[in-house]
Structures are given as structure tokens and as C-alpha cells.
């Protein structure tokens, strides 16, 4: 039994985009401002147990008062290397180097970054105007200029800038990928930057906020529930909240994507409901593919079983 719409309904689900008039101008200015900032990168070699790779911890300046940390990993073969930029899930971090060995074995370089202010080593120096609920989703929620994900999205673009500066990287063979929040960041980054060749967005978060918030339950979907929490306290500001979110919703960004895009959807997912994912997918005009997982929810079993598909598609298209 599906938890959302039927598969046939999902295929045809195309909610209207709700962009503000200055949507494109806002992002043009924001990206220009981010790209104008220096990276001030720092690279430190890691004496890693697997000697068949080169491992580094890197730091660079994020957008406006952030310092981003990541693993930069290279195979010991002849450069330039195609490269995978990996984004982790909400509240998580870049994990351990061993997770990325499979891609290095295939000849790909990897940059895996910690998202600012989450459970990793990246620093968020921003002060976000109140009010906000517990968590990250509503930080700066009543201002498009101060909203948390404005800075996160630009950190992701600055990660591409870091890679483009590296002589050993073939930036024309760049794949963005990640799961949940990482899938959503992959989509948003590809919408705001033309350099990625391939996007693999696994059960993406940050999609079709109005539908997601409507579905949110305290325990099944604690992250989207953050929006409900703030509106319970400030019910007169709901329209204001969704106005800010309109700039960051992948529903509104999807038609800007030019990369070959592969999206996965777990059909019993209560955290990133299928309708929110299909709503975004159906607005993507670029070459695309949907991989559905009928018996899965938002769980490690889902992520582990999708991994072979990710490997196949990276090998095929990158």
C-alpha cells in the first residue's frame, strides 16, 4: 500500500510553481556575490590507512561568515579525474573516508563536505534573526536574505569553485549526489550552477514545501514539522514563511536544471513523501530518469539498496 498518491497520479502531478517576481534576479545577485568572495582554501594531507588513495582534509570559506570543511580524496591514477561532490543528509556529516572508497576504486575523485551548522566540522558564523523553531529549517525564515539555506546553497556552489581551481580535476565531468537533504542540495545546486554534468538525487528533501508541511507529523517527519512548530507560535506569519521558502523550494528551481538528472523515490517514505519528489521531478526539463523503490521508506535499508544504482549510473554517465 502506498502512503501517498497512486503511481499514476504521481506521474501526472504537476503543482503550479509559486515564484516571486524577483526570483531569478534574487538568485543571480546571490550567486554573483558568492562567486565574488575568495575561497581562502587550506589543504591538509591525511595519513590514511588505505595507501592506494590520496586523502586530504580541506577548508574553504563558505558564503558570508562560514568556513566549510570536507574530505578531498584522489585515486592514485593519472589525472585529470572526473569528480563526485557529495552532500550529506540533514543533521548528519561527511561520515568516514571508507564510505567513498568505492568511487575512488572506479577512478573518481571525491569532495564530501560538512554542511554548515550541522553535525560536522563546518562553521556557521551567521546570526539569524528570530524567531525560529528548534532545528535549522526555520533559521531566518522570515527573510529571503537571511534564510539559512541561502548560505547553504551558496556553500555548495563554492565547493564547485574549489574543485574547478584544482588542476587534477576535470570539472566538465562533475557529479552532484547525496541522500535526503543531500539529494535536495544536489538538485538546488544544479539549478543554480551550470557546471554539473550529472545529478543523482536520492530521496530528495527540500521539495514542494507546502505539500511536505501539510504532511508533516511530529515523529514521522520531524524536520518539516519545524515549519509547523513556528507557525503554531506565529500563525499570522504563515504566508510570510512560504514567501521566503518559495525562493528555496526545488519545486521552483527544478526548471532551471540543465544536467542529466536521476532521482530516486521510496514509495512508502513519510519523511520525503513521493508527491513532493514527483512534483519537482515533473518540472525538470533536462534529460532525466526516476528510480522508484516500491517497498521502502526513509531508512538505511533504502539507502543501502539504492547504492548499486548510484554506482551503475555514475559509471554509465560520468
Protein backbone atom coordinates (compact mmCIF):
# COMPACT_ATOMS: atom_id res chain seq x y z
CA UNK A 1 0.00 0.00 0.00
CA UNK A 2 1.33 3.44 -0.94
CA UNK A 3 1.47 6.20 1.67
CA UNK A 4 0.74 8.99 -0.78
CA UNK A 5 -0.81 9.22 -4.25
CA UNK A 6 -1.04 6.31 -6.65
CA UNK A 7 1.81 5.85 -9.11
CA UNK A 8 -0.39 7.04 -11.97
CA UNK A 9 -1.30 10.18 -10.03
CA UNK A 10 2.34 10.84 -9.22
CA UNK A 11 3.34 10.62 -12.88
CA UNK A 12 0.93 13.45 -13.67
CA UNK A 13 1.36 15.50 -10.51
CA UNK A 14 2.47 18.98 -11.60
CA UNK A 15 1.64 21.61 -8.97
CA UNK A 16 1.96 25.20 -10.12
CA UNK A 17 5.24 26.90 -9.32
CA UNK A 18 4.88 29.85 -6.97
CA UNK A 19 7.86 32.06 -7.82
CA UNK A 20 8.01 35.68 -6.71
CA UNK A 21 8.63 38.27 -9.43
CA UNK A 22 12.24 38.82 -8.38
CA UNK A 23 13.04 35.08 -8.14
CA UNK A 24 15.61 34.99 -10.97
CA UNK A 25 17.11 38.33 -10.03
CA UNK A 26 17.47 37.28 -6.40
CA UNK A 27 19.43 34.18 -7.35
CA UNK A 28 21.52 35.95 -9.98
CA UNK A 29 22.64 38.51 -7.41
CA UNK A 30 23.19 35.91 -4.69
CA UNK A 31 25.33 33.65 -6.91
CA UNK A 32 27.36 36.61 -8.16
CA UNK A 33 28.00 37.72 -4.58
CA UNK A 34 29.06 34.22 -3.55
CA UNK A 35 31.40 33.81 -6.51
CA UNK A 36 32.99 37.18 -5.79
CA UNK A 37 34.10 36.04 -2.35
CA UNK A 38 37.56 34.41 -2.01
CA UNK A 39 37.86 30.77 -1.06
CA UNK A 40 40.92 31.08 1.18
CA UNK A 41 41.34 27.34 0.86
CA UNK A 42 43.53 25.24 3.13
CA UNK A 43 44.52 21.65 2.34
CA UNK A 44 45.91 19.19 4.88
CA UNK A 45 47.14 15.72 3.96
CA UNK A 46 45.69 12.79 5.92
CA UNK A 47 47.86 9.76 6.62
CA UNK A 48 45.10 7.32 5.75
CA UNK A 49 45.24 3.56 6.28
CA UNK A 50 44.44 2.80 2.61
CA UNK A 51 47.64 3.79 0.82
CA UNK A 52 46.13 3.33 -2.66
CA UNK A 53 44.44 6.75 -2.39
CA UNK A 54 45.46 10.28 -1.51
CA UNK A 55 43.37 11.77 1.28
CA UNK A 56 43.12 15.37 2.41
CA UNK A 57 41.03 17.44 4.77
CA UNK A 58 40.18 20.76 3.14
CA UNK A 59 38.76 24.03 4.39
CA UNK A 60 37.40 26.95 2.40
CA UNK A 61 35.29 29.99 3.10
CA UNK A 62 31.58 29.46 2.65
CA UNK A 63 29.21 32.24 1.73
CA UNK A 64 29.19 35.11 4.19
CA UNK A 65 30.60 34.05 7.54
CA UNK A 66 31.02 30.34 7.03
CA UNK A 67 34.05 28.05 6.98
CA UNK A 68 33.45 24.74 5.22
CA UNK A 69 35.31 21.51 5.96
CA UNK A 70 35.42 18.46 3.73
CA UNK A 71 37.27 15.36 2.66
CA UNK A 72 39.09 15.71 -0.66
CA UNK A 73 40.03 12.27 -1.96
CA UNK A 74 42.01 11.31 -5.06
CA UNK A 75 42.80 7.97 -6.72
CA UNK A 76 46.46 7.25 -7.41
CA UNK A 77 45.98 7.09 -11.15
CA UNK A 78 46.64 9.58 -13.92
CA UNK A 79 44.72 12.88 -13.68
CA UNK A 80 42.60 14.76 -14.58
CA UNK A 81 39.85 12.97 -12.65
CA UNK A 82 36.11 13.07 -13.01
CA UNK A 83 34.76 14.14 -9.64
CA UNK A 84 31.86 13.44 -7.29
CA UNK A 85 30.67 16.19 -4.95
CA UNK A 86 28.75 14.58 -2.10
CA UNK A 87 26.24 16.24 0.24
CA UNK A 88 25.04 14.51 3.41
CA UNK A 89 21.59 14.27 5.00
CA UNK A 90 20.00 16.73 7.42
CA UNK A 91 21.78 16.90 10.77
CA UNK A 92 24.44 14.44 9.65
CA UNK A 93 28.03 14.91 8.44
CA UNK A 94 30.53 13.72 5.84
CA UNK A 95 30.98 10.39 7.68
CA UNK A 96 34.23 8.40 7.32
CA UNK A 97 36.57 8.18 4.36
CA UNK A 98 35.85 4.47 3.87
CA UNK A 99 32.36 5.29 2.54
CA UNK A 100 33.92 6.84 -0.57
CA UNK A 101 36.47 4.17 -1.41
CA UNK A 102 34.17 2.54 -3.97
CA UNK A 103 34.23 5.68 -6.13
CA UNK A 104 37.98 6.11 -5.78
CA UNK A 105 38.41 2.49 -6.86
CA UNK A 106 36.46 3.40 -10.02
CA UNK A 107 38.82 6.29 -10.75
CA UNK A 108 36.75 9.20 -9.47
CA UNK A 109 37.90 11.99 -7.18
CA UNK A 110 35.57 12.89 -4.30
CA UNK A 111 34.81 16.04 -2.34
CA UNK A 112 32.45 15.41 0.59
CA UNK A 113 31.61 18.50 2.63
CA UNK A 114 30.05 19.08 6.03
CA UNK A 115 27.02 21.36 5.77
CA UNK A 116 27.44 24.44 7.96
CA UNK A 117 25.95 24.35 11.42
CA UNK A 118 25.15 20.65 11.29
CA UNK A 119 26.82 17.63 12.88
CA UNK A 120 30.24 18.08 11.29
CA UNK A 121 33.30 20.32 11.22
CA UNK A 122 31.98 23.22 9.13
CA UNK A 123 31.46 26.51 10.92
CA UNK A 124 28.43 28.77 10.62
CA UNK A 125 29.24 32.30 11.70
CA UNK A 126 25.87 33.77 10.73
CA UNK A 127 23.47 35.30 13.20
CA UNK A 128 19.91 34.56 12.13
CA UNK A 129 17.12 36.96 13.10
CA UNK A 130 14.44 35.47 15.36
CA UNK A 131 12.00 33.89 15.71
CA UNK A 132 12.83 30.31 14.77
CA UNK A 133 11.86 26.84 15.92
CA UNK A 134 14.27 24.29 17.36
CA UNK A 135 16.41 22.96 14.50
CA UNK A 136 17.75 24.55 11.33
CA UNK A 137 14.83 24.70 8.91
CA UNK A 138 13.38 27.98 10.23
CA UNK A 139 16.56 29.96 10.91
CA UNK A 140 15.97 33.35 9.29
CA UNK A 141 12.70 32.04 7.84
CA UNK A 142 11.03 35.44 7.54
CA UNK A 143 13.72 36.96 5.29
CA UNK A 144 14.92 35.58 1.96
CA UNK A 145 18.28 37.30 2.54
CA UNK A 146 18.76 35.80 6.00
CA UNK A 147 17.34 32.32 5.48
CA UNK A 148 19.70 29.50 6.46
CA UNK A 149 19.56 27.65 3.13
CA UNK A 150 20.58 30.73 1.15
CA UNK A 151 24.01 30.30 2.69
CA UNK A 152 24.00 26.51 2.42
CA UNK A 153 23.14 26.61 -1.31
CA UNK A 154 25.98 29.05 -1.92
CA UNK A 155 28.41 26.94 0.13
CA UNK A 156 27.66 24.12 -2.32
CA UNK A 157 28.48 26.35 -5.28
CA UNK A 158 31.69 27.45 -3.61
CA UNK A 159 32.59 23.77 -3.26
CA UNK A 160 32.39 23.56 -7.07
CA UNK A 161 34.60 26.66 -7.26
CA UNK A 162 37.17 24.84 -5.12
CA UNK A 163 37.13 21.86 -7.47
CA UNK A 164 37.39 23.99 -10.59
CA UNK A 165 40.63 25.51 -9.31
CA UNK A 166 42.28 22.10 -8.99
CA UNK A 167 44.44 21.08 -11.96
CA UNK A 168 43.86 17.40 -11.26
CA UNK A 169 40.08 17.74 -11.64
CA UNK A 170 38.09 17.55 -14.89
CA UNK A 171 35.27 19.89 -13.89
CA UNK A 172 33.37 19.01 -17.06
CA UNK A 173 32.80 15.58 -15.52
CA UNK A 174 31.21 16.64 -12.25
CA UNK A 175 28.50 14.64 -10.47
CA UNK A 176 26.46 16.02 -7.59
CA UNK A 177 24.89 13.44 -5.33
CA UNK A 178 23.57 12.81 -1.85
CA UNK A 179 20.59 11.44 0.01
CA UNK A 180 17.63 13.23 1.59
CA UNK A 181 18.92 16.75 2.33
CA UNK A 182 21.92 15.83 0.17
CA UNK A 183 19.61 14.93 -2.70
CA UNK A 184 17.78 18.23 -2.31
CA UNK A 185 21.06 20.15 -2.25
CA UNK A 186 22.19 18.31 -5.40
CA UNK A 187 19.04 19.49 -7.23
CA UNK A 188 19.24 23.07 -5.94
CA UNK A 189 22.94 23.39 -6.76
CA UNK A 190 22.41 22.11 -10.30
CA UNK A 191 19.57 24.61 -10.72
CA UNK A 192 21.83 27.49 -9.70
CA UNK A 193 25.06 26.40 -11.41
CA UNK A 194 25.58 25.10 -14.94
CA UNK A 195 28.79 23.15 -14.33
CA UNK A 196 27.46 19.76 -13.12
CA UNK A 197 27.19 17.09 -15.80
CA UNK A 198 25.25 14.59 -13.72
CA UNK A 199 22.94 14.81 -10.70
CA UNK A 200 21.86 11.78 -8.67
CA UNK A 201 19.34 12.94 -6.07
CA UNK A 202 18.41 10.15 -3.67
CA UNK A 203 15.01 10.54 -1.94
CA UNK A 204 15.49 14.33 -2.08
CA UNK A 205 14.43 16.66 0.71
CA UNK A 206 13.75 20.42 0.26
CA UNK A 207 10.98 19.70 -2.23
CA UNK A 208 7.43 21.11 -2.56
CA UNK A 209 7.33 22.68 0.88
CA UNK A 210 3.60 23.34 1.02
CA UNK A 211 2.77 19.69 0.44
CA UNK A 212 5.55 18.50 2.74
CA UNK A 213 4.50 20.74 5.63
CA UNK A 214 0.89 19.66 5.17
CA UNK A 215 2.01 16.02 5.53
CA UNK A 216 4.42 16.57 8.39
CA UNK A 217 3.88 14.67 11.63
CA UNK A 218 5.90 15.14 14.78
CA UNK A 219 7.72 11.81 14.75
CA UNK A 220 7.44 10.66 11.14
CA UNK A 221 8.75 13.93 9.72
CA UNK A 222 10.46 15.89 12.44
CA UNK A 223 12.26 18.23 10.03
CA UNK A 224 9.29 19.54 8.05
CA UNK A 225 7.46 19.64 11.37
CA UNK A 226 9.78 22.51 12.31
CA UNK A 227 7.73 24.73 9.99
CA UNK A 228 4.51 23.70 11.69
CA UNK A 229 6.10 24.48 15.05
CA UNK A 230 6.96 28.08 14.15
CA UNK A 231 3.55 28.76 12.61
CA UNK A 232 1.78 27.41 15.71
CA UNK A 233 3.54 30.18 17.61
CA UNK A 234 3.14 32.83 14.87
CA UNK A 235 0.07 31.82 12.83
CA UNK A 236 -0.28 35.28 11.27
CA UNK A 237 3.11 34.85 9.57
CA UNK A 238 2.40 31.69 7.56
CA UNK A 239 2.20 33.47 4.19
CA UNK A 240 5.40 35.30 5.01
CA UNK A 241 7.13 31.99 5.73
CA UNK A 242 6.05 30.40 2.47
CA UNK A 243 7.07 33.53 0.58
CA UNK A 244 10.61 33.05 1.85
CA UNK A 245 10.51 29.32 1.13
CA UNK A 246 9.40 29.99 -2.44
CA UNK A 247 12.96 31.05 -3.29
CA UNK A 248 14.46 27.84 -1.93
CA UNK A 249 11.87 25.24 -2.90
CA UNK A 250 13.18 22.80 -5.51
CA UNK A 251 9.69 22.93 -6.99
CA UNK A 252 10.50 26.46 -8.19
CA UNK A 253 14.14 25.71 -9.02
CA UNK A 254 13.58 22.49 -10.99
CA UNK A 255 13.02 24.00 -14.43
CA UNK A 256 16.45 25.67 -14.26
CA UNK A 257 18.31 22.33 -14.12
CA UNK A 258 20.32 21.54 -17.26
CA UNK A 259 22.24 18.49 -16.01
CA UNK A 260 21.31 14.89 -16.70
CA UNK A 261 19.27 14.17 -13.56
CA UNK A 262 18.46 10.88 -11.87
CA UNK A 263 16.06 10.92 -8.93
CA UNK A 264 15.09 8.11 -6.57
CA UNK A 265 11.82 7.89 -4.67
CA UNK A 266 10.90 5.48 -1.86
CA UNK A 267 7.18 4.92 -2.30
CA UNK A 268 6.46 4.43 1.43
CA UNK A 269 8.50 7.41 2.53
CA UNK A 270 6.83 9.60 5.17
CA UNK A 271 9.84 11.88 5.57
CA UNK A 272 10.19 12.93 1.92
CA UNK A 273 6.75 11.95 0.59
CA UNK A 274 6.61 10.67 -3.01
CA UNK A 275 4.32 13.51 -4.10
CA UNK A 276 6.90 16.11 -3.05
CA UNK A 277 9.60 14.36 -5.09
CA UNK A 278 7.48 13.77 -8.19
CA UNK A 279 6.26 17.38 -8.07
CA UNK A 280 9.85 18.52 -8.53
CA UNK A 281 10.84 15.76 -10.93
CA UNK A 282 7.92 16.51 -13.26
CA UNK A 283 9.10 20.12 -13.58
CA UNK A 284 12.63 19.12 -14.68
CA UNK A 285 13.01 19.73 -18.41
CA UNK A 286 16.51 18.25 -18.72
CA UNK A 287 17.25 14.62 -19.55
CA UNK A 288 16.04 12.68 -16.51
CA UNK A 289 15.20 9.32 -15.00
CA UNK A 290 13.12 8.34 -11.98
CA UNK A 291 14.02 5.24 -9.97
CA UNK A 292 11.14 4.15 -7.72
CA UNK A 293 11.55 1.82 -4.74
CA UNK A 294 8.02 0.49 -4.04
CA UNK A 295 8.58 -1.24 -0.70
CA UNK A 296 10.85 1.22 1.05
CA UNK A 297 10.59 4.16 3.42
CA UNK A 298 13.15 6.72 4.56
CA UNK A 299 15.57 4.23 6.07
CA UNK A 300 19.11 2.90 5.89
CA UNK A 301 17.76 -0.16 4.08
CA UNK A 302 16.59 2.17 1.31
CA UNK A 303 19.92 3.95 1.11
CA UNK A 304 21.96 0.75 1.06
CA UNK A 305 19.83 -0.83 -1.65
CA UNK A 306 19.99 2.27 -3.85
CA UNK A 307 23.79 2.33 -3.76
CA UNK A 308 24.23 -0.16 -6.60
CA UNK A 309 22.02 2.00 -8.81
CA UNK A 310 24.14 5.03 -7.98
CA UNK A 311 27.30 3.16 -8.92
CA UNK A 312 25.79 1.97 -12.20
CA UNK A 313 24.68 5.45 -13.21
CA UNK A 314 27.92 7.14 -12.25
CA UNK A 315 29.81 4.60 -14.34
CA UNK A 316 27.37 4.97 -17.23
CA UNK A 317 27.04 8.75 -17.41
CA UNK A 318 30.17 10.26 -15.81
